[in-house]
Amino acid sequence: MRVDPSQLANQLKGQRKGSLAPIYLVLGDEPLQLGEAADAIRAAARAQGYGERTCLEADGQFDWSALANAAASLSLFSERRLIEVRLAGDGVGRDGGEAIRHYCASAAGDVLVLLLAPRLDWKSLSSKWAQALDQAGIIVQVRQPQGHQLIVWLRARLSRAGFEPTDEALALLAERVEGNLLAAAQEIEKLKLLDVPRQLGVEALMAGVGDSARYDLFDLTNAAVAGERARTDRVLRGLQAEDTAPALVLWVLARELRKLAAVGFALAMRRDVAGVLQVQKVPNFRREESIAAARRLPPAVTRPLLARCARADRMIKGRDGGDPWPLLAEIADAMARSAAATAARR
């Protein structure tokens, strides 16, 4: 049976004592939801007397007979056991498929198997072993929420934390943490510790998280598109001194450049800018600001800088030699310099 991650906790709570499925598969490359789903299953197992936990790492050299042996072995400490198998690759291979199918066909009530698969190929879900698991157990597939789904996820998370966010506050938080649910969860936990009102608007959100080092990343792009070269340099040096991952700095620079390039192209071609802003997930209260920034940094500027971003990405991944920080500084300064020059001509 397939269960959505948002419904897993309720599904587990609704199980009668002793009626957990014999096998669970949690797959997907979104780490927060993957970890929380696994934790929920572990907690439900402990509550139902699965007192012993065995962990197996299924890498390329893994002997899948270990699963059958672990399931068949007797325990000195607990009548019920949880066997956790972490799949390292994007599949289980022929031996793994046969081992999982055999377990699904002969699962005993005193053993629960939890398969964790961060890299499992989606094609594997149509395999015979996945079909057998679907019949015998539970499959939970986590996905990176995008657009409206991200807003829904953030609203639910904030609601559980005791907040009632406005639409603008949700849009701002989504803009800040897009693509990083771990960061979003950390920001929400931080809000819980601060004296932030339950009715969460934009000002309250900014007051609660504005001093976070993560937001310095956005200070960098804000300074750059405003043409503030000195501030851009100061923020970038501060990020480097705080050991911020260069991949995060590249992410925020490239993200801003892609947005400006799309908006700038729409302006140049006299196309529907509102539609582009919506696709780029720019909240309403930032749209005029984004249009003004795109006029200061037209596609003739942003496109070559995106090419430099691609080179910085290769350097960060080790495909090109060199230190990526000087190149990141060049990209940020070029943005600020071009924005300042355009503003001076007007």
C-alpha atoms as a PDB file:
ATOM      1  CA  MET A   1       0.000   0.000   0.000  1.00  0.00           C
ATOM      2  CA  ARG A   2       1.211   3.500  -0.847  1.00  0.00           C
ATOM      3  CA  VAL A   3       1.013   6.096   1.937  1.00  0.00           C
ATOM      4  CA  ASP A   4       1.764   9.810   1.550  1.00  0.00           C
ATOM      5  CA  PRO A   5       4.412  11.101   3.990  1.00  0.00           C
ATOM      6  CA  SER A   6       1.944  13.633   5.417  1.00  0.00           C
ATOM      7  CA  GLN A   7      -0.459  10.801   6.297  1.00  0.00           C
ATOM      8  CA  LEU A   8       2.068   8.303   7.657  1.00  0.00           C
ATOM      9  CA  ALA A   9       1.910   9.402  11.312  1.00  0.00           C
ATOM     10  CA  ASN A  10      -1.893   9.137  11.389  1.00  0.00           C
ATOM     11  CA  GLN A  11      -1.761   5.805   9.601  1.00  0.00           C
ATOM     12  CA  LEU A  12       0.668   4.420  12.181  1.00  0.00           C
ATOM     13  CA  LYS A  13      -1.405   5.742  15.091  1.00  0.00           C
ATOM     14  CA  GLY A  14      -4.469   4.086  13.651  1.00  0.00           C
ATOM     15  CA  GLN A  15      -2.913   0.641  13.694  1.00  0.00           C
ATOM     16  CA  ARG A  16      -4.147  -1.712  16.377  1.00  0.00           C
ATOM     17  CA  LYS A  17      -1.527  -3.147  18.718  1.00  0.00           C
ATOM     18  CA  GLY A  18       0.467  -5.772  16.884  1.00  0.00           C
ATOM     19  CA  SER A  19      -0.881  -4.854  13.468  1.00  0.00           C
ATOM     20  CA  LEU A  20       2.021  -2.921  11.939  1.00  0.00           C
ATOM     21  CA  ALA A  21       2.901  -3.985   8.427  1.00  0.00           C
ATOM     22  CA  PRO A  22       5.742  -6.542   8.256  1.00  0.00           C
ATOM     23  CA  ILE A  23       7.798  -4.361   5.898  1.00  0.00           C
ATOM     24  CA  TYR A  24       8.088  -0.646   5.110  1.00  0.00           C
ATOM     25  CA  LEU A  25       9.941   1.021   2.238  1.00  0.00           C
ATOM     26  CA  VAL A  26      10.763   4.731   2.589  1.00  0.00           C
ATOM     27  CA  LEU A  27      12.362   6.173  -0.540  1.00  0.00           C
ATOM     28  CA  GLY A  28      13.261   9.568  -1.964  1.00  0.00           C
ATOM     29  CA  ASP A  29      16.143  12.026  -1.880  1.00  0.00           C
ATOM     30  CA  GLU A  30      14.538  14.677   0.368  1.00  0.00           C
ATOM     31  CA  PRO A  31      16.420  14.086   3.661  1.00  0.00           C
ATOM     32  CA  LEU A  32      14.080  15.754   6.174  1.00  0.00           C
ATOM     33  CA  GLN A  33      10.943  13.863   5.163  1.00  0.00           C
ATOM     34  CA  LEU A  34      12.907  10.639   4.732  1.00  0.00           C
ATOM     35  CA  GLY A  35      14.341  10.904   8.241  1.00  0.00           C
ATOM     36  CA  GLU A  36      11.049  11.890   9.845  1.00  0.00           C
ATOM     37  CA  ALA A  37       9.181   9.029   8.155  1.00  0.00           C
ATOM     38  CA  ALA A  38      11.813   6.556   9.357  1.00  0.00           C
ATOM     39  CA  ASP A  39      11.653   7.990  12.892  1.00  0.00           C
ATOM     40  CA  ALA A  40       7.863   7.657  12.930  1.00  0.00           C
ATOM     41  CA  ILE A  41       8.067   3.983  11.933  1.00  0.00           C
ATOM     42  CA  ARG A  42      10.785   3.310  14.526  1.00  0.00           C
ATOM     43  CA  ALA A  43       8.711   4.977  17.260  1.00  0.00           C
ATOM     44  CA  ALA A  44       5.602   2.974  16.326  1.00  0.00           C
ATOM     45  CA  ALA A  45       7.683  -0.213  16.359  1.00  0.00           C
ATOM     46  CA  ARG A  46       9.065   0.546  19.842  1.00  0.00           C
ATOM     47  CA  ALA A  47       5.567   1.277  21.119  1.00  0.00           C
ATOM     48  CA  GLN A  48       4.430  -2.146  19.906  1.00  0.00           C
ATOM     49  CA  GLY A  49       7.283  -4.063  21.522  1.00  0.00           C
ATOM     50  CA  TYR A  50       9.875  -4.278  18.771  1.00  0.00           C
ATOM     51  CA  GLY A  51      12.657  -3.837  21.283  1.00  0.00           C
ATOM     52  CA  GLU A  52      15.729  -4.956  19.341  1.00  0.00           C
ATOM     53  CA  ARG A  53      17.043  -3.121  16.266  1.00  0.00           C
ATOM     54  CA  THR A  54      19.457  -4.549  13.705  1.00  0.00           C
ATOM     55  CA  CYS A  55      20.974  -2.256  11.049  1.00  0.00           C
ATOM     56  CA  LEU A  56      22.292  -3.522   7.712  1.00  0.00           C
ATOM     57  CA  GLU A  57      24.112  -1.450   5.072  1.00  0.00           C
ATOM     58  CA  ALA A  58      23.229  -2.745   1.609  1.00  0.00           C
ATOM     59  CA  ASP A  59      26.074  -1.497  -0.567  1.00  0.00           C
ATOM     60  CA  GLY A  60      27.296  -3.048  -3.809  1.00  0.00           C
ATOM     61  CA  GLN A  61      28.989  -5.930  -1.966  1.00  0.00           C
ATOM     62  CA  PHE A  62      26.067  -6.696   0.355  1.00  0.00           C
ATOM     63  CA  ASP A  63      25.121 -10.343   0.836  1.00  0.00           C
ATOM     64  CA  TRP A  64      21.329 -10.370   0.807  1.00  0.00           C
ATOM     65  CA  SER A  65      21.210 -13.675   2.664  1.00  0.00           C
ATOM     66  CA  ALA A  66      21.935 -11.504   5.725  1.00  0.00           C
ATOM     67  CA  LEU A  67      18.333 -10.285   5.600  1.00  0.00           C
ATOM     68  CA  ALA A  68      16.907 -13.805   5.774  1.00  0.00           C
ATOM     69  CA  ASN A  69      19.411 -14.771   8.477  1.00  0.00           C
ATOM     70  CA  ALA A  70      18.572 -11.724  10.586  1.00  0.00           C
ATOM     71  CA  ALA A  71      14.842 -12.371  10.217  1.00  0.00           C
ATOM     72  CA  ALA A  72      15.224 -16.031  11.187  1.00  0.00           C
ATOM     73  CA  SER A  73      17.622 -15.582  14.114  1.00  0.00           C
ATOM     74  CA  LEU A  74      16.399 -15.706  17.700  1.00  0.00           C
ATOM     75  CA  SER A  75      16.900 -12.796  20.079  1.00  0.00           C
ATOM     76  CA  LEU A  76      17.961 -13.006  23.704  1.00  0.00           C
ATOM     77  CA  PHE A  77      16.550  -9.577  24.510  1.00  0.00           C
ATOM     78  CA  SER A  78      13.210  -9.116  22.751  1.00  0.00           C
ATOM     79  CA  GLU A  79      10.493 -11.249  21.198  1.00  0.00           C
ATOM     80  CA  ARG A  80      10.012  -8.656  18.465  1.00  0.00           C
ATOM     81  CA  ARG A  81      12.775  -7.191  16.316  1.00  0.00           C
ATOM     82  CA  LEU A  82      13.190  -4.331  13.865  1.00  0.00           C
ATOM     83  CA  ILE A  83      15.577  -4.949  10.968  1.00  0.00           C
ATOM     84  CA  GLU A  84      16.650  -1.767   9.221  1.00  0.00           C
ATOM     85  CA  VAL A  85      18.263  -1.985   5.778  1.00  0.00           C
ATOM     86  CA  ARG A  86      19.736   1.144   4.208  1.00  0.00           C
ATOM     87  CA  LEU A  87      20.076   0.833   0.429  1.00  0.00           C
ATOM     88  CA  ALA A  88      23.199   2.627  -0.767  1.00  0.00           C
ATOM     89  CA  GLY A  89      22.562   2.403  -4.509  1.00  0.00           C
ATOM     90  CA  ASP A  90      19.768   3.139  -6.961  1.00  0.00           C
ATOM     91  CA  GLY A  91      18.502  -0.472  -6.962  1.00  0.00           C
ATOM     92  CA  VAL A  92      18.666  -3.765  -5.085  1.00  0.00           C
ATOM     93  CA  GLY A  93      19.879  -6.093  -7.830  1.00  0.00           C
ATOM     94  CA  ARG A  94      18.590  -9.566  -8.587  1.00  0.00           C
ATOM     95  CA  ASP A  95      19.611 -11.070  -5.233  1.00  0.00           C
ATOM     96  CA  GLY A  96      18.070  -8.178  -3.324  1.00  0.00           C
ATOM     97  CA  GLY A  97      14.824  -8.438  -5.241  1.00  0.00           C
ATOM     98  CA  GLU A  98      14.566 -12.162  -4.541  1.00  0.00           C
ATOM     99  CA  ALA A  99      15.390 -11.663  -0.848  1.00  0.00           C
ATOM    100  CA  ILE A 100      12.723  -8.994  -0.432  1.00  0.00           C
ATOM    101  CA  ARG A 101      10.102 -11.053  -2.291  1.00  0.00           C
ATOM    102  CA  HIS A 102      10.904 -14.092  -0.143  1.00  0.00           C
ATOM    103  CA  TYR A 103      10.563 -12.073   3.042  1.00  0.00           C
ATOM    104  CA  CYS A 104       7.240 -10.564   1.902  1.00  0.00           C
ATOM    105  CA  ALA A 105       5.897 -14.060   1.202  1.00  0.00           C
ATOM    106  CA  SER A 106       7.013 -15.538   4.529  1.00  0.00           C
ATOM    107  CA  ALA A 107       7.093 -12.586   6.951  1.00  0.00           C
ATOM    108  CA  ALA A 108       6.512 -13.459  10.593  1.00  0.00           C
ATOM    109  CA  GLY A 109       4.725 -11.259  13.100  1.00  0.00           C
ATOM    110  CA  ASP A 110       7.764 -10.890  15.355  1.00  0.00           C
ATOM    111  CA  VAL A 111       9.963  -9.181  12.717  1.00  0.00           C
ATOM    112  CA  LEU A 112       9.516  -5.790  11.065  1.00  0.00           C
ATOM    113  CA  VAL A 113      11.752  -4.734   8.169  1.00  0.00           C
ATOM    114  CA  LEU A 114      12.381  -1.078   7.350  1.00  0.00           C
ATOM    115  CA  LEU A 115      14.041  -0.358   3.994  1.00  0.00           C
ATOM    116  CA  LEU A 116      15.496   3.143   3.583  1.00  0.00           C
ATOM    117  CA  ALA A 117      16.330   4.079  -0.006  1.00  0.00           C
ATOM    118  CA  PRO A 118      17.494   7.695  -0.549  1.00  0.00           C
ATOM    119  CA  ARG A 119      18.701   6.960  -4.096  1.00  0.00           C
ATOM    120  CA  LEU A 120      16.299   4.301  -5.335  1.00  0.00           C
ATOM    121  CA  ASP A 121      15.536   4.584  -9.048  1.00  0.00           C
ATOM    122  CA  TRP A 122      11.841   5.330  -9.653  1.00  0.00           C
ATOM    123  CA  LYS A 123      11.795   2.519 -12.214  1.00  0.00           C
ATOM    124  CA  SER A 124      12.378   0.072  -9.366  1.00  0.00           C
ATOM    125  CA  LEU A 125       8.855   0.764  -8.108  1.00  0.00           C
ATOM    126  CA  SER A 126       7.469  -1.194 -11.069  1.00  0.00           C
ATOM    127  CA  SER A 127       9.681  -4.234 -10.354  1.00  0.00           C
ATOM    128  CA  LYS A 128       8.343  -7.541  -9.035  1.00  0.00           C
ATOM    129  CA  TRP A 129       9.926  -7.071  -5.610  1.00  0.00           C
ATOM    130  CA  ALA A 130       8.349  -3.621  -5.227  1.00  0.00           C
ATOM    131  CA  GLN A 131       4.956  -5.036  -6.246  1.00  0.00           C
ATOM    132  CA  ALA A 132       5.311  -7.785  -3.657  1.00  0.00           C
ATOM    133  CA  LEU A 133       6.241  -5.199  -1.036  1.00  0.00           C
ATOM    134  CA  ASP A 134       3.267  -3.050  -2.057  1.00  0.00           C
ATOM    135  CA  GLN A 135       0.976  -6.022  -1.384  1.00  0.00           C
ATOM    136  CA  ALA A 136       2.568  -7.069   1.911  1.00  0.00           C
ATOM    137  CA  GLY A 137       3.631  -3.746   3.408  1.00  0.00           C
ATOM    138  CA  ILE A 138       3.770   0.018   3.110  1.00  0.00           C
ATOM    139  CA  ILE A 139       5.629   2.206   0.581  1.00  0.00           C
ATOM    140  CA  VAL A 140       6.292   5.846   1.506  1.00  0.00           C
ATOM    141  CA  GLN A 141       7.800   7.999  -1.248  1.00  0.00           C
ATOM    142  CA  VAL A 142       9.087  11.426  -0.218  1.00  0.00           C
ATOM    143  CA  ARG A 143       9.431  14.201  -2.777  1.00  0.00           C
ATOM    144  CA  GLN A 144      10.818  17.714  -2.766  1.00  0.00           C
ATOM    145  CA  PRO A 145       7.734  19.969  -2.598  1.00  0.00           C
ATOM    146  CA  GLN A 146       7.631  22.741  -5.174  1.00  0.00           C
ATOM    147  CA  GLY A 147       5.440  25.786  -5.713  1.00  0.00           C
ATOM    148  CA  HIS A 148       2.025  25.390  -4.071  1.00  0.00           C
ATOM    149  CA  GLN A 149       3.061  22.105  -2.458  1.00  0.00           C
ATOM    150  CA  LEU A 150       5.892  23.885  -0.640  1.00  0.00           C
ATOM    151  CA  ILE A 151       3.457  26.540   0.628  1.00  0.00           C
ATOM    152  CA  VAL A 152       1.113  23.803   1.889  1.00  0.00           C
ATOM    153  CA  TRP A 153       4.021  22.036   3.620  1.00  0.00           C
ATOM    154  CA  LEU A 154       5.229  25.246   5.281  1.00  0.00           C
ATOM    155  CA  ARG A 155       1.715  26.170   6.431  1.00  0.00           C
ATOM    156  CA  ALA A 156       1.219  22.741   8.011  1.00  0.00           C
ATOM    157  CA  ARG A 157       4.633  22.885   9.678  1.00  0.00           C
ATOM    158  CA  LEU A 158       4.036  26.365  11.076  1.00  0.00           C
ATOM    159  CA  SER A 159       0.559  25.372  12.238  1.00  0.00           C
ATOM    160  CA  ARG A 160       1.968  22.426  14.195  1.00  0.00           C
ATOM    161  CA  ALA A 161       4.449  24.843  15.747  1.00  0.00           C
ATOM    162  CA  GLY A 162       1.574  27.058  16.914  1.00  0.00           C
ATOM    163  CA  PHE A 163       1.671  29.809  14.276  1.00  0.00           C
ATOM    164  CA  GLU A 164      -0.964  31.220  11.945  1.00  0.00           C
ATOM    165  CA  PRO A 165       1.054  32.597   9.011  1.00  0.00           C
ATOM    166  CA  THR A 166      -0.240  35.099   6.502  1.00  0.00           C
ATOM    167  CA  ASP A 167       0.036  34.324   2.798  1.00  0.00           C
ATOM    168  CA  GLU A 168       2.819  36.900   2.419  1.00  0.00           C
ATOM    169  CA  ALA A 169       4.790  35.407   5.325  1.00  0.00           C
ATOM    170  CA  LEU A 170       4.509  31.979   3.708  1.00  0.00           C
ATOM    171  CA  ALA A 171       5.647  33.354   0.360  1.00  0.00           C
ATOM    172  CA  LEU A 172       8.645  35.029   1.975  1.00  0.00           C
ATOM    173  CA  LEU A 173       9.666  31.917   3.906  1.00  0.00           C
ATOM    174  CA  ALA A 174       9.246  29.798   0.766  1.00  0.00           C
ATOM    175  CA  GLU A 175      11.502  32.212  -1.118  1.00  0.00           C
ATOM    176  CA  ARG A 176      14.147  32.014   1.587  1.00  0.00           C
ATOM    177  CA  VAL A 177      14.297  28.233   1.988  1.00  0.00           C
ATOM    178  CA  GLU A 178      13.181  26.924  -1.412  1.00  0.00           C
ATOM    179  CA  GLY A 179      14.702  23.525  -2.025  1.00  0.00           C
ATOM    180  CA  ASN A 180      15.864  23.055   1.562  1.00  0.00           C
ATOM    181  CA  LEU A 181      13.263  21.658   3.974  1.00  0.00           C
ATOM    182  CA  LEU A 182      15.940  21.127   6.625  1.00  0.00           C
ATOM    183  CA  ALA A 183      16.595  24.868   6.638  1.00  0.00           C
ATOM    184  CA  ALA A 184      12.858  25.557   6.795  1.00  0.00           C
ATOM    185  CA  ALA A 185      12.428  23.245   9.779  1.00  0.00           C
ATOM    186  CA  GLN A 186      15.350  24.908  11.554  1.00  0.00           C
ATOM    187  CA  GLU A 187      13.908  28.389  10.979  1.00  0.00           C
ATOM    188  CA  ILE A 188      10.517  27.309  12.330  1.00  0.00           C
ATOM    189  CA  GLU A 189      12.132  25.772  15.409  1.00  0.00           C
ATOM    190  CA  LYS A 190      13.989  29.047  15.926  1.00  0.00           C
ATOM    191  CA  LEU A 191      10.729  30.998  15.736  1.00  0.00           C
ATOM    192  CA  LYS A 192       9.315  28.796  18.501  1.00  0.00           C
ATOM    193  CA  LEU A 193      12.162  29.822  20.796  1.00  0.00           C
ATOM    194  CA  LEU A 194      11.734  33.544  20.154  1.00  0.00           C
ATOM    195  CA  ASP A 195       9.053  35.986  21.266  1.00  0.00           C
ATOM    196  CA  VAL A 196       7.251  35.885  17.926  1.00  0.00           C
ATOM    197  CA  PRO A 197       3.473  36.479  17.832  1.00  0.00           C
ATOM    198  CA  ARG A 198       1.170  33.599  16.943  1.00  0.00           C
ATOM    199  CA  GLN A 199      -0.243  35.645  14.066  1.00  0.00           C
ATOM    200  CA  LEU A 200       2.841  35.457  11.866  1.00  0.00           C
ATOM    201  CA  GLY A 201       3.151  38.242   9.311  1.00  0.00           C
ATOM    202  CA  VAL A 202       6.080  39.363   7.174  1.00  0.00           C
ATOM    203  CA  GLU A 203       7.464  41.798   9.765  1.00  0.00           C
ATOM    204  CA  ALA A 204       7.287  39.231  12.566  1.00  0.00           C
ATOM    205  CA  LEU A 205       8.949  36.626  10.369  1.00  0.00           C
ATOM    206  CA  MET A 206      11.788  38.958   9.411  1.00  0.00           C
ATOM    207  CA  ALA A 207      12.241  40.023  13.046  1.00  0.00           C
ATOM    208  CA  GLY A 208      12.489  36.411  14.103  1.00  0.00           C
ATOM    209  CA  VAL A 209      14.933  35.134  11.513  1.00  0.00           C
ATOM    210  CA  GLY A 210      16.543  38.265  10.068  1.00  0.00           C
ATOM    211  CA  ASP A 211      19.771  37.811  11.999  1.00  0.00           C
ATOM    212  CA  SER A 212      20.332  34.252  10.792  1.00  0.00           C
ATOM    213  CA  ALA A 213      23.537  33.583   8.917  1.00  0.00           C
ATOM    214  CA  ARG A 214      21.448  31.887   6.207  1.00  0.00           C
ATOM    215  CA  TYR A 215      19.817  35.231   5.488  1.00  0.00           C
ATOM    216  CA  ASP A 216      23.234  36.769   4.890  1.00  0.00           C
ATOM    217  CA  LEU A 217      23.135  34.805   1.643  1.00  0.00           C
ATOM    218  CA  PHE A 218      20.193  36.926   0.566  1.00  0.00           C
ATOM    219  CA  ASP A 219      21.908  40.040   1.886  1.00  0.00           C
ATOM    220  CA  LEU A 220      24.570  39.231  -0.703  1.00  0.00           C
ATOM    221  CA  THR A 221      22.178  39.237  -3.658  1.00  0.00           C
ATOM    222  CA  ASN A 222      20.199  42.184  -2.291  1.00  0.00           C
ATOM    223  CA  ALA A 223      23.390  44.252  -2.136  1.00  0.00           C
ATOM    224  CA  ALA A 224      24.546  43.081  -5.559  1.00  0.00           C
ATOM    225  CA  VAL A 225      21.340  43.895  -7.434  1.00  0.00           C
ATOM    226  CA  ALA A 226      21.196  47.259  -5.650  1.00  0.00           C
ATOM    227  CA  GLY A 227      24.643  48.133  -7.020  1.00  0.00           C
ATOM    228  CA  GLU A 228      26.251  48.339  -3.556  1.00  0.00           C
ATOM    229  CA  ARG A 229      29.747  47.038  -4.346  1.00  0.00           C
ATOM    230  CA  ALA A 230      31.291  47.726  -0.941  1.00  0.00           C
ATOM    231  CA  ARG A 231      28.454  46.000   0.920  1.00  0.00           C
ATOM    232  CA  THR A 232      28.499  43.099  -1.527  1.00  0.00           C
ATOM    233  CA  ASP A 233      32.208  42.590  -0.880  1.00  0.00           C
ATOM    234  CA  ARG A 234      31.710  42.875   2.899  1.00  0.00           C
ATOM    235  CA  VAL A 235      28.897  40.302   2.989  1.00  0.00           C
ATOM    236  CA  LEU A 236      30.808  37.868   0.781  1.00  0.00           C
ATOM    237  CA  ARG A 237      33.929  38.125   2.940  1.00  0.00           C
ATOM    238  CA  GLY A 238      31.790  37.565   6.018  1.00  0.00           C
ATOM    239  CA  LEU A 239      30.238  34.442   4.531  1.00  0.00           C
ATOM    240  CA  GLN A 240      33.671  33.077   3.655  1.00  0.00           C
ATOM    241  CA  ALA A 241      35.006  33.856   7.145  1.00  0.00           C
ATOM    242  CA  GLU A 242      32.063  31.975   8.686  1.00  0.00           C
ATOM    243  CA  ASP A 243      32.950  28.889   6.594  1.00  0.00           C
ATOM    244  CA  THR A 244      29.716  29.078   4.612  1.00  0.00           C
ATOM    245  CA  ALA A 245      29.667  26.331   1.999  1.00  0.00           C
ATOM    246  CA  PRO A 246      30.587  27.842  -1.401  1.00  0.00           C
ATOM    247  CA  ALA A 247      27.814  25.727  -2.932  1.00  0.00           C
ATOM    248  CA  LEU A 248      25.252  27.750  -0.951  1.00  0.00           C
ATOM    249  CA  VAL A 249      26.763  31.042  -2.117  1.00  0.00           C
ATOM    250  CA  LEU A 250      26.699  29.813  -5.704  1.00  0.00           C
ATOM    251  CA  TRP A 251      23.107  28.639  -5.290  1.00  0.00           C
ATOM    252  CA  VAL A 252      21.850  32.042  -4.159  1.00  0.00           C
ATOM    253  CA  LEU A 253      23.800  33.935  -6.851  1.00  0.00           C
ATOM    254  CA  ALA A 254      22.737  31.604  -9.684  1.00  0.00           C
ATOM    255  CA  ARG A 255      19.141  31.575  -8.457  1.00  0.00           C
ATOM    256  CA  GLU A 256      18.982  35.374  -8.560  1.00  0.00           C
ATOM    257  CA  LEU A 257      20.652  35.542 -11.966  1.00  0.00           C
ATOM    258  CA  ARG A 258      18.263  32.979 -13.477  1.00  0.00           C
ATOM    259  CA  LYS A 259      15.284  34.938 -12.156  1.00  0.00           C
ATOM    260  CA  LEU A 260      16.648  38.248 -13.478  1.00  0.00           C
ATOM    261  CA  ALA A 261      17.471  36.689 -16.856  1.00  0.00           C
ATOM    262  CA  ALA A 262      13.924  35.337 -17.239  1.00  0.00           C
ATOM    263  CA  VAL A 263      12.284  38.593 -16.192  1.00  0.00           C
ATOM    264  CA  GLY A 264      14.694  40.662 -18.294  1.00  0.00           C
ATOM    265  CA  PHE A 265      13.999  38.570 -21.398  1.00  0.00           C
ATOM    266  CA  ALA A 266      10.245  38.983 -20.894  1.00  0.00           C
ATOM    267  CA  LEU A 267      10.682  42.742 -20.586  1.00  0.00           C
ATOM    268  CA  ALA A 268      12.854  42.925 -23.715  1.00  0.00           C
ATOM    269  CA  MET A 269      10.383  40.815 -25.737  1.00  0.00           C
ATOM    270  CA  ARG A 270       7.361  42.667 -24.304  1.00  0.00           C
ATOM    271  CA  ARG A 271       5.937  39.419 -23.002  1.00  0.00           C
ATOM    272  CA  ASP A 272       3.769  38.720 -19.945  1.00  0.00           C
ATOM    273  CA  VAL A 273       6.086  39.623 -17.057  1.00  0.00           C
ATOM    274  CA  ALA A 274       3.471  38.666 -14.457  1.00  0.00           C
ATOM    275  CA  GLY A 275       3.463  35.089 -15.722  1.00  0.00           C
ATOM    276  CA  VAL A 276       7.260  34.899 -15.570  1.00  0.00           C
ATOM    277  CA  LEU A 277       7.266  36.275 -12.027  1.00  0.00           C
ATOM    278  CA  GLN A 278       4.764  33.603 -11.046  1.00  0.00           C
ATOM    279  CA  VAL A 279       6.857  30.842 -12.596  1.00  0.00           C
ATOM    280  CA  GLN A 280       9.901  32.204 -10.758  1.00  0.00           C
ATOM    281  CA  LYS A 281       7.876  32.112  -7.504  1.00  0.00           C
ATOM    282  CA  VAL A 282       8.373  35.808  -6.771  1.00  0.00           C
ATOM    283  CA  PRO A 283       5.870  36.883  -4.057  1.00  0.00           C
ATOM    284  CA  ASN A 284       3.567  39.799  -4.832  1.00  0.00           C
ATOM    285  CA  PHE A 285       5.273  42.225  -2.476  1.00  0.00           C
ATOM    286  CA  ARG A 286       8.632  41.683  -4.255  1.00  0.00           C
ATOM    287  CA  ARG A 287       7.489  41.860  -7.877  1.00  0.00           C
ATOM    288  CA  GLU A 288       8.104  45.552  -8.513  1.00  0.00           C
ATOM    289  CA  GLU A 289      11.508  45.215  -6.881  1.00  0.00           C
ATOM    290  CA  SER A 290      12.359  42.248  -9.139  1.00  0.00           C
ATOM    291  CA  ILE A 291      11.295  44.132 -12.279  1.00  0.00           C
ATOM    292  CA  ALA A 292      13.464  47.105 -11.299  1.00  0.00           C
ATOM    293  CA  ALA A 293      16.405  44.769 -10.644  1.00  0.00           C
ATOM    294  CA  ALA A 294      15.937  43.097 -14.049  1.00  0.00           C
ATOM    295  CA  ARG A 295      16.109  46.506 -15.728  1.00  0.00           C
ATOM    296  CA  ARG A 296      19.397  47.234 -13.946  1.00  0.00           C
ATOM    297  CA  LEU A 297      20.780  43.799 -14.873  1.00  0.00           C
ATOM    298  CA  PRO A 298      19.523  42.918 -18.380  1.00  0.00           C
ATOM    299  CA  PRO A 299      20.091  39.518 -20.085  1.00  0.00           C
ATOM    300  CA  ALA A 300      23.271  40.832 -21.738  1.00  0.00           C
ATOM    301  CA  VAL A 301      24.736  40.952 -18.221  1.00  0.00           C
ATOM    302  CA  THR A 302      23.073  37.975 -16.528  1.00  0.00           C
ATOM    303  CA  ARG A 303      23.726  35.356 -19.211  1.00  0.00           C
ATOM    304  CA  PRO A 304      27.556  35.633 -19.196  1.00  0.00           C
ATOM    305  CA  LEU A 305      27.446  35.604 -15.396  1.00  0.00           C
ATOM    306  CA  LEU A 306      25.414  32.383 -15.456  1.00  0.00           C
ATOM    307  CA  ALA A 307      28.196  30.883 -17.597  1.00  0.00           C
ATOM    308  CA  ARG A 308      30.635  31.848 -14.838  1.00  0.00           C
ATOM    309  CA  CYS A 309      28.305  30.212 -12.323  1.00  0.00           C
ATOM    310  CA  ALA A 310      28.543  26.983 -14.324  1.00  0.00           C
ATOM    311  CA  ARG A 311      32.336  27.161 -14.090  1.00  0.00           C
ATOM    312  CA  ALA A 312      32.136  27.824 -10.334  1.00  0.00           C
ATOM    313  CA  ASP A 313      29.892  24.756 -10.019  1.00  0.00           C
ATOM    314  CA  ARG A 314      32.502  22.604 -11.761  1.00  0.00           C
ATOM    315  CA  MET A 315      35.199  23.962  -9.437  1.00  0.00           C
ATOM    316  CA  ILE A 316      33.119  23.225  -6.331  1.00  0.00           C
ATOM    317  CA  LYS A 317      32.515  19.671  -7.565  1.00  0.00           C
ATOM    318  CA  GLY A 318      36.206  19.187  -8.326  1.00  0.00           C
ATOM    319  CA  ARG A 319      35.764  18.907 -12.078  1.00  0.00           C
ATOM    320  CA  ASP A 320      37.792  22.089 -12.639  1.00  0.00           C
ATOM    321  CA  GLY A 321      40.814  23.063 -10.600  1.00  0.00           C
ATOM    322  CA  GLY A 322      41.065  26.165  -8.472  1.00  0.00           C
ATOM    323  CA  ASP A 323      39.468  27.903  -5.527  1.00  0.00           C
ATOM    324  CA  PRO A 324      35.824  28.831  -6.258  1.00  0.00           C
ATOM    325  CA  TRP A 325      35.747  31.780  -3.811  1.00  0.00           C
ATOM    326  CA  PRO A 326      37.576  34.301  -6.066  1.00  0.00           C
ATOM    327  CA  LEU A 327      35.236  33.428  -8.931  1.00  0.00           C
ATOM    328  CA  LEU A 328      32.190  33.811  -6.688  1.00  0.00           C
ATOM    329  CA  ALA A 329      33.530  37.218  -5.646  1.00  0.00           C
ATOM    330  CA  GLU A 330      33.936  38.182  -9.325  1.00  0.00           C
ATOM    331  CA  ILE A 331      30.349  37.167 -10.097  1.00  0.00           C
ATOM    332  CA  ALA A 332      28.913  39.093  -7.148  1.00  0.00           C
ATOM    333  CA  ASP A 333      31.015  42.165  -7.877  1.00  0.00           C
ATOM    334  CA  ALA A 334      30.108  42.095 -11.579  1.00  0.00           C
ATOM    335  CA  MET A 335      26.427  42.090 -10.612  1.00  0.00           C
ATOM    336  CA  ALA A 336      26.916  45.061  -8.276  1.00  0.00           C
ATOM    337  CA  ARG A 337      29.124  46.938 -10.742  1.00  0.00           C
ATOM    338  CA  SER A 338      26.665  46.504 -13.643  1.00  0.00           C
ATOM    339  CA  ALA A 339      23.681  47.462 -11.490  1.00  0.00           C
ATOM    340  CA  ALA A 340      25.472  50.587 -10.258  1.00  0.00           C
ATOM    341  CA  ALA A 341      26.533  51.594 -13.785  1.00  0.00           C
ATOM    342  CA  THR A 342      22.989  51.204 -15.138  1.00  0.00           C
ATOM    343  CA  ALA A 343      21.565  53.233 -12.273  1.00  0.00           C
ATOM    344  CA  ALA A 344      24.137  55.985 -12.868  1.00  0.00           C
ATOM    345  CA  ARG A 345      23.145  56.320 -16.532  1.00  0.00           C
ATOM    346  CA  ARG A 346      19.500  56.903 -15.629  1.00  0.00           C
END
